[in-house]
Each structure stands twice: as structure tokens, then as C-alpha cells.
C-alpha atoms as a PDB file:
ATOM      1  CA  ILE A   1      -6.366  -5.319   3.717  1.00  0.00           C
ATOM      2  CA  GLY A   2      -5.681  -4.100  -0.169  1.00  0.00           C
ATOM      3  CA  THR A   3      -8.899  -4.202  -2.316  1.00  0.00           C
ATOM      4  CA  SER A   4      -9.176  -4.625  -5.974  1.00  0.00           C
ATOM      5  CA  ARG A   5     -10.274  -0.517  -5.897  1.00  0.00           C
ATOM      6  CA  GLY A   6      -6.949   0.627  -4.574  1.00  0.00           C
ATOM      7  CA  LEU A   7      -8.177   1.217  -1.025  1.00  0.00           C
ATOM      8  CA  ILE A   8      -5.518  -0.205   2.013  1.00  0.00           C
ATOM      9  CA  LEU A   9      -7.412  -1.025   5.405  1.00  0.00           C
ATOM     10  CA  LEU A  10      -5.077  -0.758   8.164  1.00  0.00           C
ATOM     11  CA  PHE A  11      -6.447  -2.257  11.745  1.00  0.00           C
ATOM     12  CA  ASP A  12      -4.703  -2.657  15.144  1.00  0.00           C
ATOM     13  CA  SER A  13      -4.731  -5.560  17.270  1.00  0.00           C
ATOM     14  CA  SER A  14      -7.460  -5.128  18.084  1.00  0.00           C
ATOM     15  CA  GLN A  15      -9.187  -5.303  14.793  1.00  0.00           C
ATOM     16  CA  ALA A  16     -10.534  -1.684  15.232  1.00  0.00           C
ATOM     17  CA  LEU A  17      -9.783   0.207  11.861  1.00  0.00           C
ATOM     18  CA  LYS A  18      -6.534   2.625  12.162  1.00  0.00           C
ATOM     19  CA  LEU A  19      -6.308   4.215   8.706  1.00  0.00           C
ATOM     20  CA  TYR A  20      -8.549   4.077   5.315  1.00  0.00           C
ATOM     21  CA  ILE A  21      -5.807   5.081   2.641  1.00  0.00           C
ATOM     22  CA  THR A  22      -6.669   5.565  -0.956  1.00  0.00           C
ATOM     23  CA  THR A  23      -3.706   5.875  -4.019  1.00  0.00           C
ATOM     24  CA  GLU A  24      -4.035   8.063  -6.616  1.00  0.00           C
ATOM     25  CA  TYR A  25      -4.648   5.042  -9.089  1.00  0.00           C
ATOM     26  CA  LYS A  26      -8.125   3.165  -8.685  1.00  0.00           C
ATOM     27  CA  ASP A  27      -6.287  -0.635  -9.595  1.00  0.00           C
ATOM     28  CA  ALA A  28      -5.885  -3.374  -7.680  1.00  0.00           C
ATOM     29  CA  ILE A  29      -3.276  -3.404  -4.282  1.00  0.00           C
ATOM     30  CA  SER A  30      -1.766  -6.857  -5.096  1.00  0.00           C
ATOM     31  CA  ALA A  31       1.269  -6.534  -2.268  1.00  0.00           C
ATOM     32  CA  ILE A  32       1.339  -5.101   1.150  1.00  0.00           C
ATOM     33  CA  SER A  33       4.160  -4.994   3.560  1.00  0.00           C
ATOM     34  CA  LEU A  34       4.874  -3.740   7.050  1.00  0.00           C
ATOM     35  CA  ASN A  35       8.359  -2.746   8.743  1.00  0.00           C
ATOM     36  CA  ASN A  36       9.404  -4.214  11.836  1.00  0.00           C
ATOM     37  CA  LYS A  37       8.350  -1.241  13.866  1.00  0.00           C
ATOM     38  CA  SER A  38       4.845  -1.384  11.899  1.00  0.00           C
ATOM     39  CA  ASP A  39       5.460   2.279  11.393  1.00  0.00           C
ATOM     40  CA  ARG A  40       6.190   2.052   7.584  1.00  0.00           C
ATOM     41  CA  LEU A  41       3.644   0.418   4.863  1.00  0.00           C
ATOM     42  CA  LEU A  42       4.698  -0.766   1.398  1.00  0.00           C
ATOM     43  CA  VAL A  43       2.283  -0.882  -1.033  1.00  0.00           C
ATOM     44  CA  GLY A  44       2.154  -2.532  -4.260  1.00  0.00           C
ATOM     45  CA  ASN A  45      -0.189  -2.459  -7.416  1.00  0.00           C
ATOM     46  CA  ALA A  46      -1.621  -3.875  -9.921  1.00  0.00           C
ATOM     47  CA  LEU A  47      -0.107  -1.308 -11.954  1.00  0.00           C
ATOM     48  CA  GLY A  48       3.500  -1.831 -11.223  1.00  0.00           C
ATOM     49  CA  TYR A  49       3.793   0.799  -8.373  1.00  0.00           C
ATOM     50  CA  ILE A  50       4.915   0.869  -5.623  1.00  0.00           C
ATOM     51  CA  PHE A  51       3.858   3.186  -2.733  1.00  0.00           C
ATOM     52  CA  MET A  52       5.460   3.430   1.017  1.00  0.00           C
ATOM     53  CA  PHE A  53       2.922   5.436   3.755  1.00  0.00           C
ATOM     54  CA  ASP A  54       3.607   6.494   7.202  1.00  0.00           C
ATOM     55  CA  THR A  55       0.842   4.558   9.347  1.00  0.00           C
ATOM     56  CA  VAL A  56       0.584   7.205  12.080  1.00  0.00           C
ATOM     57  CA  ASN A  57      -0.778   9.262   9.453  1.00  0.00           C
ATOM     58  CA  GLY A  58      -1.484   8.059   6.312  1.00  0.00           C
ATOM     59  CA  LYS A  59       0.390  10.409   4.370  1.00  0.00           C
ATOM     60  CA  CYS A  60       2.464   8.842   1.378  1.00  0.00           C
ATOM     61  CA  LEU A  61       5.895   9.207   1.823  1.00  0.00           C
ATOM     62  CA  ARG A  62       7.162   7.862  -1.575  1.00  0.00           C
ATOM     63  CA  LYS A  63       6.036   6.424  -4.992  1.00  0.00           C
ATOM     64  CA  ILE A  64       8.205   4.385  -6.860  1.00  0.00           C
ATOM     65  CA  THR A  65       6.911   4.429 -10.578  1.00  0.00           C
ATOM     66  CA  GLU A  66      10.296   2.950 -12.138  1.00  0.00           C
ATOM     67  CA  ALA A  67      10.931  -0.676 -10.132  1.00  0.00           C
ATOM     68  CA  HIS A  68       8.708  -2.775 -12.532  1.00  0.00           C
ATOM     69  CA  PRO A  69       7.021  -2.726 -16.181  1.00  0.00           C
ATOM     70  CA  THR A  70       4.649  -0.657 -15.869  1.00  0.00           C
ATOM     71  CA  GLY A  71       1.240  -2.805 -16.401  1.00  0.00           C
ATOM     72  CA  SER A  72       3.013  -5.848 -14.304  1.00  0.00           C
ATOM     73  CA  PRO A  73       1.677  -6.157 -10.990  1.00  0.00           C
ATOM     74  CA  ILE A  74       3.902  -6.339  -7.987  1.00  0.00           C
ATOM     75  CA  LEU A  75       3.903  -9.604  -6.301  1.00  0.00           C
ATOM     76  CA  ASN A  76       5.925  -9.017  -3.408  1.00  0.00           C
ATOM     77  CA  LEU A  77       7.309  -6.490  -1.299  1.00  0.00           C
END
């Protein structure tokens, strides 16, 4: 789940909270996508930035700031 305050809540299959991730930006999360193995999470925000997180430890692996015009939300990943 992505929140309007830039928080990401990741739950496991039994609906228990697995990870609570914060980005360095407090803008709304506008898109989320998991890979097939569910070990990587892509997150897009309202500023147009994309982040890649490791779903095991919540570490940010990549931040892409120039893939989309700044200020235009990411709507699909």
C-alpha cells in the first residue's frame, strides 16, 4: 500500500505487516509494482520519481529522478 504521505506498507500473504518503508520525499505514492519473485518493489511518486526497494530488508536499491517530467506523477510501472 502506498500512502498520500510517501509511506509504503508491505504485507505478507497472511496480511501481517512485513515492511514499513519511507522515502526521502513525502509526496504521495502513485504507483507500485512487484517483480515475479516478489523480492523487488518499484514505487512511483507524485513528483515523477521511481524507487526500487529490496522487499527483504526495505533498502532502497535505486532512485530514478529523470525518467519522467518532474512534478508529473508516475501512474503505471
